[in-house]
């Protein structure tokens, strides 16, 4: 376990704030920020010490992060402890989580637009107009996300073949 520098502490705090603004628990953002500053896997006990939070909430938060692909459980030096690292595809997995939200919004627009139109559009013109706007917006956003996803795969492949930083 490495104690974060002052700048890394600030980075960790900013991740907490950022993730909270996205609707995650602030603690989840703190954990992501912490994992990004650690050169080796860290245990839940290390997180308790470094983040000054109780083990129960940290355990719940890190499991949720692992479930959505932002953290990864790995083996560590002590067999009976759980160790974690930032997932190697953390940022892409976060992107996919956001893309799923975009899809859900588009599907919501599609579903309710169809239902309202089936009921009869009388006196529902404004609702229909707004749902059509929502549908068009999220269809376009989804196409951008798909294009970005393909471009990122190419960039990632390129980066994997570059020389590591510092060598």
N, C-alpha and C. Protein backbone atom coordinates (compact mmCIF):
# COMPACT_ATOMS: atom_id res chain seq x y z
N UNK A 1 0.84 -1.18 0.00
CA UNK A 1 0.00 0.00 0.00
C UNK A 1 0.89 1.24 0.00
N UNK A 2 0.52 2.18 -0.85
CA UNK A 2 1.26 3.43 -0.96
C UNK A 2 0.35 4.56 -0.48
N UNK A 3 0.85 5.39 0.42
CA UNK A 3 0.08 6.55 0.87
C UNK A 3 0.08 7.59 -0.24
N UNK A 4 -1.09 8.06 -0.62
CA UNK A 4 -1.16 9.05 -1.70
C UNK A 4 -0.49 10.37 -1.33
N UNK A 5 0.11 11.00 -2.33
CA UNK A 5 0.69 12.34 -2.15
C UNK A 5 -0.46 13.34 -2.00
N UNK A 6 -0.12 14.59 -1.72
CA UNK A 6 -1.14 15.64 -1.57
C UNK A 6 -1.95 15.80 -2.86
N UNK A 7 -1.27 15.75 -4.00
CA UNK A 7 -1.97 15.89 -5.28
C UNK A 7 -2.87 14.67 -5.52
N UNK A 8 -2.36 13.48 -5.19
CA UNK A 8 -3.18 12.27 -5.34
C UNK A 8 -4.38 12.30 -4.41
N UNK A 9 -4.22 12.83 -3.20
CA UNK A 9 -5.34 12.99 -2.27
C UNK A 9 -6.42 13.88 -2.90
N UNK A 10 -5.98 14.95 -3.53
CA UNK A 10 -6.92 15.85 -4.21
C UNK A 10 -7.62 15.14 -5.36
N UNK A 11 -6.86 14.34 -6.11
CA UNK A 11 -7.43 13.56 -7.20
C UNK A 11 -8.51 12.61 -6.66
N UNK A 12 -8.21 11.92 -5.58
CA UNK A 12 -9.16 10.99 -4.96
C UNK A 12 -10.44 11.73 -4.57
N UNK A 13 -10.29 12.88 -3.95
CA UNK A 13 -11.46 13.69 -3.54
C UNK A 13 -12.29 14.11 -4.75
N UNK A 14 -11.58 14.52 -5.81
CA UNK A 14 -12.29 14.94 -7.03
C UNK A 14 -13.07 13.78 -7.65
N UNK A 15 -12.49 12.58 -7.62
CA UNK A 15 -13.23 11.42 -8.12
C UNK A 15 -14.47 11.17 -7.27
N UNK A 16 -14.36 11.36 -5.95
CA UNK A 16 -15.53 11.22 -5.09
C UNK A 16 -16.62 12.20 -5.48
N UNK A 17 -16.24 13.45 -5.70
CA UNK A 17 -17.20 14.49 -6.10
C UNK A 17 -17.80 14.19 -7.47
N UNK A 18 -16.94 13.80 -8.40
CA UNK A 18 -17.39 13.53 -9.76
C UNK A 18 -18.38 12.37 -9.81
N UNK A 19 -18.03 11.27 -9.18
CA UNK A 19 -18.91 10.11 -9.19
C UNK A 19 -20.23 10.40 -8.48
N UNK A 20 -20.17 11.20 -7.42
CA UNK A 20 -21.40 11.59 -6.73
C UNK A 20 -22.30 12.40 -7.67
N UNK A 21 -21.70 13.27 -8.48
CA UNK A 21 -22.49 14.06 -9.42
C UNK A 21 -23.11 13.19 -10.52
N UNK A 22 -22.53 12.01 -10.76
CA UNK A 22 -23.08 11.06 -11.74
C UNK A 22 -24.17 10.18 -11.15
N UNK A 23 -24.42 10.31 -9.83
CA UNK A 23 -25.44 9.50 -9.20
C UNK A 23 -24.91 8.28 -8.48
N UNK A 24 -23.61 8.13 -8.44
CA UNK A 24 -23.00 7.05 -7.67
C UNK A 24 -22.86 7.51 -6.23
N UNK A 25 -22.49 6.60 -5.36
CA UNK A 25 -22.14 6.97 -3.99
C UNK A 25 -20.77 7.66 -4.04
N UNK A 26 -20.60 8.69 -3.23
CA UNK A 26 -19.33 9.40 -3.19
C UNK A 26 -18.18 8.45 -2.85
N UNK A 27 -18.44 7.51 -1.95
CA UNK A 27 -17.42 6.55 -1.55
C UNK A 27 -16.94 5.72 -2.74
N UNK A 28 -17.84 5.40 -3.66
CA UNK A 28 -17.43 4.65 -4.84
C UNK A 28 -16.42 5.45 -5.66
N UNK A 29 -16.65 6.73 -5.80
CA UNK A 29 -15.71 7.59 -6.52
C UNK A 29 -14.38 7.69 -5.80
N UNK A 30 -14.43 7.78 -4.47
CA UNK A 30 -13.19 7.83 -3.70
C UNK A 30 -12.37 6.56 -3.91
N UNK A 31 -13.06 5.42 -3.95
CA UNK A 31 -12.36 4.14 -4.16
C UNK A 31 -11.74 4.09 -5.54
N UNK A 32 -12.48 4.51 -6.56
CA UNK A 32 -11.92 4.53 -7.92
C UNK A 32 -10.68 5.42 -7.95
N UNK A 33 -10.78 6.61 -7.40
CA UNK A 33 -9.63 7.51 -7.36
C UNK A 33 -8.45 6.89 -6.63
N UNK A 34 -8.73 6.25 -5.50
CA UNK A 34 -7.66 5.60 -4.74
C UNK A 34 -7.01 4.48 -5.55
N UNK A 35 -7.82 3.66 -6.18
CA UNK A 35 -7.26 2.55 -6.96
C UNK A 35 -6.36 3.06 -8.09
N UNK A 36 -6.71 4.21 -8.65
CA UNK A 36 -5.90 4.78 -9.73
C UNK A 36 -4.55 5.27 -9.24
N UNK A 37 -4.40 5.48 -7.94
CA UNK A 37 -3.13 5.98 -7.41
C UNK A 37 -2.23 4.87 -6.88
N UNK A 38 -2.72 3.64 -6.89
CA UNK A 38 -1.98 2.55 -6.27
C UNK A 38 -1.24 1.69 -7.30
N UNK A 39 0.06 1.50 -7.10
CA UNK A 39 0.83 0.68 -8.04
C UNK A 39 0.58 -0.82 -7.87
N UNK A 40 0.07 -1.22 -6.70
CA UNK A 40 -0.17 -2.64 -6.40
C UNK A 40 -1.59 -2.81 -5.91
N UNK A 41 -2.11 -4.04 -5.95
CA UNK A 41 -3.44 -4.29 -5.39
C UNK A 41 -3.51 -3.89 -3.93
N UNK A 42 -4.66 -3.39 -3.51
CA UNK A 42 -4.83 -3.01 -2.10
C UNK A 42 -6.03 -3.74 -1.50
N UNK A 43 -5.91 -4.01 -0.21
CA UNK A 43 -6.95 -4.74 0.50
C UNK A 43 -8.04 -3.79 0.99
N UNK A 44 -9.13 -4.38 1.43
CA UNK A 44 -10.19 -3.58 2.05
C UNK A 44 -9.65 -2.86 3.28
N UNK A 45 -8.81 -3.55 4.04
CA UNK A 45 -8.22 -2.91 5.23
C UNK A 45 -7.37 -1.70 4.85
N UNK A 46 -6.63 -1.80 3.75
CA UNK A 46 -5.85 -0.66 3.26
C UNK A 46 -6.79 0.50 2.90
N UNK A 47 -7.89 0.18 2.25
CA UNK A 47 -8.85 1.23 1.87
C UNK A 47 -9.43 1.90 3.10
N UNK A 48 -9.73 1.10 4.14
CA UNK A 48 -10.25 1.65 5.39
C UNK A 48 -9.26 2.68 5.95
N UNK A 49 -8.00 2.30 5.96
CA UNK A 49 -6.97 3.19 6.50
C UNK A 49 -6.78 4.44 5.64
N UNK A 50 -6.67 4.25 4.34
CA UNK A 50 -6.36 5.37 3.45
C UNK A 50 -7.54 6.33 3.24
N UNK A 51 -8.76 5.78 3.28
CA UNK A 51 -9.94 6.62 3.05
C UNK A 51 -10.62 7.06 4.34
N UNK A 52 -10.20 6.47 5.46
CA UNK A 52 -10.78 6.81 6.77
C UNK A 52 -12.30 6.60 6.78
N UNK A 53 -12.73 5.43 6.26
CA UNK A 53 -14.13 5.03 6.26
C UNK A 53 -14.23 3.65 6.89
N UNK A 54 -15.42 3.27 7.28
CA UNK A 54 -15.66 1.95 7.87
C UNK A 54 -15.58 0.86 6.81
N UNK A 55 -15.22 -0.33 7.25
CA UNK A 55 -15.01 -1.45 6.34
C UNK A 55 -16.30 -1.89 5.65
N UNK A 56 -17.43 -1.88 6.37
CA UNK A 56 -18.70 -2.33 5.78
C UNK A 56 -19.08 -1.55 4.53
N UNK A 57 -19.17 -0.21 4.62
CA UNK A 57 -19.51 0.57 3.43
C UNK A 57 -18.47 0.43 2.32
N UNK A 58 -17.20 0.32 2.68
CA UNK A 58 -16.16 0.15 1.66
C UNK A 58 -16.35 -1.19 0.95
N UNK A 59 -16.62 -2.23 1.71
CA UNK A 59 -16.83 -3.55 1.12
C UNK A 59 -18.01 -3.54 0.15
N UNK A 60 -19.11 -2.93 0.55
CA UNK A 60 -20.29 -2.83 -0.31
C UNK A 60 -19.97 -2.03 -1.57
N UNK A 61 -19.30 -0.89 -1.39
CA UNK A 61 -18.99 -0.01 -2.52
C UNK A 61 -18.06 -0.69 -3.51
N UNK A 62 -17.03 -1.37 -3.01
CA UNK A 62 -16.06 -1.98 -3.92
C UNK A 62 -16.68 -3.18 -4.65
N UNK A 63 -17.60 -3.89 -3.99
CA UNK A 63 -18.30 -4.98 -4.69
C UNK A 63 -19.15 -4.44 -5.82
N UNK A 64 -19.83 -3.34 -5.57
CA UNK A 64 -20.64 -2.71 -6.62
C UNK A 64 -19.75 -2.25 -7.79
N UNK A 65 -18.60 -1.68 -7.47
CA UNK A 65 -17.67 -1.25 -8.51
C UNK A 65 -17.17 -2.45 -9.32
N UNK A 66 -16.93 -3.55 -8.65
CA UNK A 66 -16.50 -4.77 -9.35
C UNK A 66 -17.62 -5.30 -10.24
N UNK A 67 -18.86 -5.22 -9.75
CA UNK A 67 -20.01 -5.70 -10.53
C UNK A 67 -20.18 -4.95 -11.84
N UNK A 68 -19.85 -3.66 -11.85
CA UNK A 68 -20.03 -2.87 -13.07
C UNK A 68 -18.73 -2.68 -13.85
N UNK A 69 -17.67 -3.39 -13.42
CA UNK A 69 -16.43 -3.39 -14.20
C UNK A 69 -15.52 -2.20 -13.98
N UNK A 70 -15.62 -1.55 -12.82
CA UNK A 70 -14.74 -0.42 -12.56
C UNK A 70 -13.59 -0.81 -11.64
N UNK A 71 -13.76 -1.87 -10.88
CA UNK A 71 -12.71 -2.41 -10.02
C UNK A 71 -12.65 -3.91 -10.28
N UNK A 72 -11.52 -4.51 -9.92
CA UNK A 72 -11.36 -5.94 -10.15
C UNK A 72 -10.71 -6.57 -8.93
N UNK A 73 -11.30 -7.68 -8.48
CA UNK A 73 -10.76 -8.42 -7.35
C UNK A 73 -9.60 -9.28 -7.86
N UNK A 74 -8.48 -9.24 -7.12
CA UNK A 74 -7.28 -9.99 -7.53
C UNK A 74 -6.66 -10.67 -6.30
N UNK A 75 -5.72 -11.54 -6.56
CA UNK A 75 -4.97 -12.15 -5.47
C UNK A 75 -3.97 -11.15 -4.91
N UNK A 76 -3.70 -11.30 -3.62
CA UNK A 76 -2.74 -10.42 -2.97
C UNK A 76 -1.81 -11.23 -2.08
N UNK A 77 -0.97 -10.55 -1.34
CA UNK A 77 0.04 -11.24 -0.53
C UNK A 77 -0.53 -12.06 0.63
N UNK A 78 -1.70 -11.68 1.17
CA UNK A 78 -2.31 -12.42 2.27
C UNK A 78 -3.54 -13.14 1.74
N UNK A 79 -3.53 -14.47 1.81
CA UNK A 79 -4.58 -15.28 1.19
C UNK A 79 -5.99 -14.98 1.66
N UNK A 80 -6.19 -14.67 2.90
CA UNK A 80 -7.55 -14.51 3.42
C UNK A 80 -8.12 -13.11 3.23
N UNK A 81 -7.44 -12.27 2.54
CA UNK A 81 -7.92 -10.91 2.30
C UNK A 81 -8.34 -10.74 0.86
N UNK A 82 -9.28 -9.83 0.65
CA UNK A 82 -9.69 -9.45 -0.70
C UNK A 82 -8.86 -8.24 -1.13
N UNK A 83 -8.28 -8.34 -2.32
CA UNK A 83 -7.48 -7.24 -2.87
C UNK A 83 -8.14 -6.76 -4.16
N UNK A 84 -7.95 -5.48 -4.42
CA UNK A 84 -8.58 -4.88 -5.60
C UNK A 84 -7.61 -3.98 -6.34
N UNK A 85 -7.88 -3.86 -7.63
CA UNK A 85 -7.17 -2.91 -8.50
C UNK A 85 -8.23 -2.22 -9.36
N UNK A 86 -7.85 -1.11 -9.96
CA UNK A 86 -8.72 -0.49 -10.94
C UNK A 86 -8.80 -1.44 -12.13
N UNK A 87 -9.99 -1.65 -12.64
CA UNK A 87 -10.17 -2.52 -13.80
C UNK A 87 -9.39 -1.94 -14.98
N UNK A 88 -8.74 -2.79 -15.75
CA UNK A 88 -7.93 -2.31 -16.88
C UNK A 88 -8.78 -1.57 -17.92
N UNK A 89 -10.07 -1.87 -17.98
CA UNK A 89 -10.99 -1.17 -18.89
C UNK A 89 -11.95 -0.27 -18.13
N UNK A 90 -11.50 0.27 -17.00
CA UNK A 90 -12.35 1.09 -16.14
C UNK A 90 -13.09 2.18 -16.92
N UNK A 91 -12.39 2.94 -17.70
CA UNK A 91 -13.01 4.08 -18.38
C UNK A 91 -13.97 3.62 -19.47
N UNK A 92 -13.60 2.58 -20.19
CA UNK A 92 -14.50 2.05 -21.22
C UNK A 92 -15.74 1.42 -20.57
N UNK A 93 -15.56 0.73 -19.46
CA UNK A 93 -16.71 0.13 -18.77
C UNK A 93 -17.64 1.21 -18.21
N UNK A 94 -17.06 2.31 -17.74
CA UNK A 94 -17.88 3.44 -17.30
C UNK A 94 -18.66 4.01 -18.49
N UNK A 95 -17.99 4.12 -19.62
CA UNK A 95 -18.63 4.58 -20.85
C UNK A 95 -19.79 3.65 -21.23
N UNK A 96 -19.58 2.32 -21.14
CA UNK A 96 -20.65 1.37 -21.47
C UNK A 96 -21.83 1.50 -20.51
N UNK A 97 -21.54 1.80 -19.25
CA UNK A 97 -22.59 2.03 -18.27
C UNK A 97 -23.43 3.24 -18.70
N UNK A 98 -22.75 4.30 -19.13
CA UNK A 98 -23.45 5.50 -19.62
C UNK A 98 -24.23 5.20 -20.90
N UNK A 99 -23.64 4.39 -21.76
CA UNK A 99 -24.32 4.02 -23.01
C UNK A 99 -25.60 3.24 -22.71
N UNK A 100 -25.57 2.40 -21.69
CA UNK A 100 -26.77 1.66 -21.31
C UNK A 100 -27.87 2.62 -20.86
N UNK A 101 -27.48 3.70 -20.18
CA UNK A 101 -28.45 4.70 -19.76
C UNK A 101 -29.06 5.40 -20.97
N UNK A 102 -28.25 5.70 -21.96
CA UNK A 102 -28.74 6.32 -23.19
C UNK A 102 -29.76 5.38 -23.87
N UNK A 103 -29.42 4.11 -23.95
CA UNK A 103 -30.34 3.13 -24.56
C UNK A 103 -31.66 3.06 -23.80
N UNK A 104 -31.57 3.06 -22.47
CA UNK A 104 -32.80 3.01 -21.65
C UNK A 104 -33.67 4.23 -21.91
N UNK A 105 -33.05 5.40 -22.05
CA UNK A 105 -33.81 6.61 -22.35
C UNK A 105 -34.47 6.53 -23.71
N UNK A 106 -33.75 6.03 -24.71
CA UNK A 106 -34.34 5.88 -26.04
C UNK A 106 -35.50 4.88 -26.01
N UNK A 107 -35.29 3.76 -25.32
CA UNK A 107 -36.35 2.74 -25.22
C UNK A 107 -37.58 3.28 -24.48
N UNK A 108 -37.35 4.10 -23.47
CA UNK A 108 -38.45 4.73 -22.75
C UNK A 108 -39.26 5.61 -23.68
N UNK A 109 -38.57 6.44 -24.46
CA UNK A 109 -39.25 7.31 -25.43
C UNK A 109 -40.04 6.47 -26.44
N UNK A 110 -39.41 5.43 -26.97
CA UNK A 110 -40.08 4.58 -27.95
C UNK A 110 -41.34 3.94 -27.37
N UNK A 111 -41.20 3.38 -26.17
CA UNK A 111 -42.31 2.65 -25.55
C UNK A 111 -43.50 3.56 -25.27
N UNK A 112 -43.25 4.72 -24.67
CA UNK A 112 -44.36 5.61 -24.32
C UNK A 112 -44.91 6.35 -25.53
N UNK A 113 -44.09 6.63 -26.50
CA UNK A 113 -44.58 7.24 -27.72
C UNK A 113 -45.57 6.30 -28.41
N UNK A 114 -45.22 5.04 -28.50
CA UNK A 114 -46.12 4.05 -29.11
C UNK A 114 -47.42 3.92 -28.32
N UNK A 115 -47.33 3.90 -27.02
CA UNK A 115 -48.54 3.74 -26.20
C UNK A 115 -49.45 4.96 -26.31
N UNK A 116 -48.87 6.15 -26.27
CA UNK A 116 -49.69 7.36 -26.35
C UNK A 116 -50.32 7.49 -27.74
N UNK A 117 -49.56 7.15 -28.77
CA UNK A 117 -50.12 7.21 -30.12
C UNK A 117 -51.24 6.18 -30.29
N UNK A 118 -51.11 5.03 -29.65
CA UNK A 118 -52.14 3.99 -29.72
C UNK A 118 -53.42 4.43 -29.00
N UNK A 119 -53.28 5.21 -27.93
CA UNK A 119 -54.44 5.74 -27.20
C UNK A 119 -55.21 6.76 -28.02
N UNK A 120 -54.52 7.40 -28.88
CA UNK A 120 -55.11 8.48 -29.67
C UNK A 120 -54.40 9.78 -29.33
N UNK A 121 -53.94 10.48 -30.35
CA UNK A 121 -53.10 11.65 -30.11
C UNK A 121 -53.88 12.91 -29.69
N UNK A 122 -55.20 12.84 -29.63
CA UNK A 122 -55.97 14.03 -29.27
C UNK A 122 -55.52 14.58 -27.92
N UNK A 123 -55.25 15.86 -27.91
CA UNK A 123 -54.85 16.60 -26.72
C UNK A 123 -53.54 16.08 -26.10
N UNK A 124 -52.76 15.37 -26.89
CA UNK A 124 -51.47 14.87 -26.41
C UNK A 124 -50.32 15.30 -27.35
N UNK A 125 -50.60 16.31 -28.15
CA UNK A 125 -49.62 16.75 -29.13
C UNK A 125 -48.29 17.15 -28.49
N UNK A 126 -48.37 17.86 -27.36
CA UNK A 126 -47.14 18.32 -26.70
C UNK A 126 -46.34 17.13 -26.16
N UNK A 127 -47.02 16.16 -25.57
CA UNK A 127 -46.34 14.96 -25.07
C UNK A 127 -45.69 14.20 -26.21
N UNK A 128 -46.42 14.05 -27.31
CA UNK A 128 -45.89 13.34 -28.48
C UNK A 128 -44.69 14.09 -29.05
N UNK A 129 -44.80 15.40 -29.17
CA UNK A 129 -43.69 16.21 -29.69
C UNK A 129 -42.45 16.03 -28.80
N UNK A 130 -42.64 16.09 -27.49
CA UNK A 130 -41.51 15.95 -26.56
C UNK A 130 -40.90 14.55 -26.62
N UNK A 131 -41.73 13.53 -26.72
CA UNK A 131 -41.21 12.16 -26.81
C UNK A 131 -40.50 11.93 -28.14
N UNK A 132 -41.01 12.52 -29.22
CA UNK A 132 -40.32 12.41 -30.52
C UNK A 132 -38.96 13.10 -30.45
N UNK A 133 -38.91 14.24 -29.78
CA UNK A 133 -37.65 14.96 -29.59
C UNK A 133 -36.68 14.11 -28.77
N UNK A 134 -37.18 13.53 -27.70
CA UNK A 134 -36.37 12.66 -26.85
C UNK A 134 -35.86 11.46 -27.64
N UNK A 135 -36.72 10.87 -28.41
CA UNK A 135 -36.36 9.70 -29.24
C UNK A 135 -35.25 10.07 -30.22
N UNK A 136 -35.41 11.18 -30.93
CA UNK A 136 -34.41 11.60 -31.91
C UNK A 136 -33.07 11.91 -31.23
N UNK A 137 -33.13 12.58 -30.09
CA UNK A 137 -31.91 12.92 -29.35
C UNK A 137 -31.14 11.67 -28.96
N UNK A 138 -31.83 10.72 -28.34
CA UNK A 138 -31.13 9.53 -27.84
C UNK A 138 -30.73 8.57 -28.96
N UNK A 139 -31.45 8.56 -30.08
CA UNK A 139 -31.00 7.77 -31.23
C UNK A 139 -29.69 8.33 -31.77
N UNK A 140 -29.59 9.65 -31.87
CA UNK A 140 -28.36 10.28 -32.34
C UNK A 140 -27.22 10.05 -31.35
N UNK A 141 -27.51 10.21 -30.07
CA UNK A 141 -26.48 9.99 -29.06
C UNK A 141 -25.99 8.54 -29.09
N UNK A 142 -26.92 7.62 -29.25
CA UNK A 142 -26.53 6.21 -29.32
C UNK A 142 -25.63 5.94 -30.52
N UNK A 143 -25.91 6.57 -31.64
CA UNK A 143 -25.05 6.37 -32.82
C UNK A 143 -23.66 6.96 -32.57
N UNK A 144 -23.58 8.11 -31.89
CA UNK A 144 -22.28 8.67 -31.53
C UNK A 144 -21.52 7.73 -30.60
N UNK A 145 -22.22 7.16 -29.63
CA UNK A 145 -21.59 6.23 -28.69
C UNK A 145 -21.05 5.00 -29.43
N UNK A 146 -21.82 4.49 -30.37
CA UNK A 146 -21.37 3.32 -31.12
C UNK A 146 -20.14 3.66 -31.95
N UNK A 147 -20.16 4.83 -32.60
CA UNK A 147 -18.99 5.27 -33.37
C UNK A 147 -17.78 5.44 -32.45
N UNK A 148 -17.99 6.06 -31.30
CA UNK A 148 -16.91 6.26 -30.35
C UNK A 148 -16.35 4.92 -29.89
N UNK A 149 -17.23 3.99 -29.61
CA UNK A 149 -16.81 2.67 -29.14
C UNK A 149 -15.87 2.00 -30.14
N UNK A 150 -16.21 2.07 -31.41
CA UNK A 150 -15.36 1.49 -32.45
C UNK A 150 -14.02 2.22 -32.53
N UNK A 151 -14.06 3.54 -32.46
CA UNK A 151 -12.82 4.33 -32.52
C UNK A 151 -11.94 4.03 -31.30
N UNK A 152 -12.56 3.90 -30.13
CA UNK A 152 -11.77 3.63 -28.92
C UNK A 152 -11.08 2.27 -29.03
N UNK A 153 -11.76 1.28 -29.56
CA UNK A 153 -11.14 -0.05 -29.70
C UNK A 153 -9.87 0.04 -30.55
N UNK A 154 -9.91 0.83 -31.60
CA UNK A 154 -8.73 1.01 -32.46
C UNK A 154 -7.62 1.76 -31.71
N UNK A 155 -7.98 2.82 -30.99
CA UNK A 155 -6.99 3.59 -30.23
C UNK A 155 -6.38 2.72 -29.14
N UNK A 156 -7.20 1.95 -28.46
CA UNK A 156 -6.70 1.08 -27.39
C UNK A 156 -5.71 0.07 -27.95
N UNK A 157 -6.05 -0.51 -29.08
CA UNK A 157 -5.16 -1.49 -29.71
C UNK A 157 -3.82 -0.84 -30.05
N UNK A 158 -3.87 0.38 -30.58
CA UNK A 158 -2.66 1.13 -30.90
C UNK A 158 -1.83 1.39 -29.64
N UNK A 159 -2.49 1.80 -28.56
CA UNK A 159 -1.80 2.10 -27.30
C UNK A 159 -1.14 0.86 -26.71
N UNK A 160 -1.74 -0.30 -26.90
CA UNK A 160 -1.17 -1.54 -26.37
C UNK A 160 0.15 -1.90 -27.04
N UNK A 161 0.34 -1.39 -28.26
CA UNK A 161 1.56 -1.70 -28.99
C UNK A 161 2.64 -0.64 -28.84
N UNK A 162 2.33 0.44 -28.10
CA UNK A 162 3.32 1.49 -27.85
C UNK A 162 4.24 1.07 -26.71
N UNK A 163 5.39 1.70 -26.64
CA UNK A 163 6.32 1.48 -25.55
C UNK A 163 5.71 2.00 -24.25
N UNK A 164 5.86 1.30 -23.14
CA UNK A 164 5.37 1.80 -21.84
C UNK A 164 6.03 3.12 -21.46
N UNK A 165 5.29 3.94 -20.72
CA UNK A 165 5.79 5.24 -20.25
C UNK A 165 6.98 5.01 -19.34
N UNK A 166 8.03 5.79 -19.51
CA UNK A 166 9.19 5.72 -18.63
C UNK A 166 10.25 4.73 -19.07
N UNK A 167 10.03 4.07 -20.17
CA UNK A 167 11.05 3.11 -20.65
C UNK A 167 11.67 3.57 -21.92
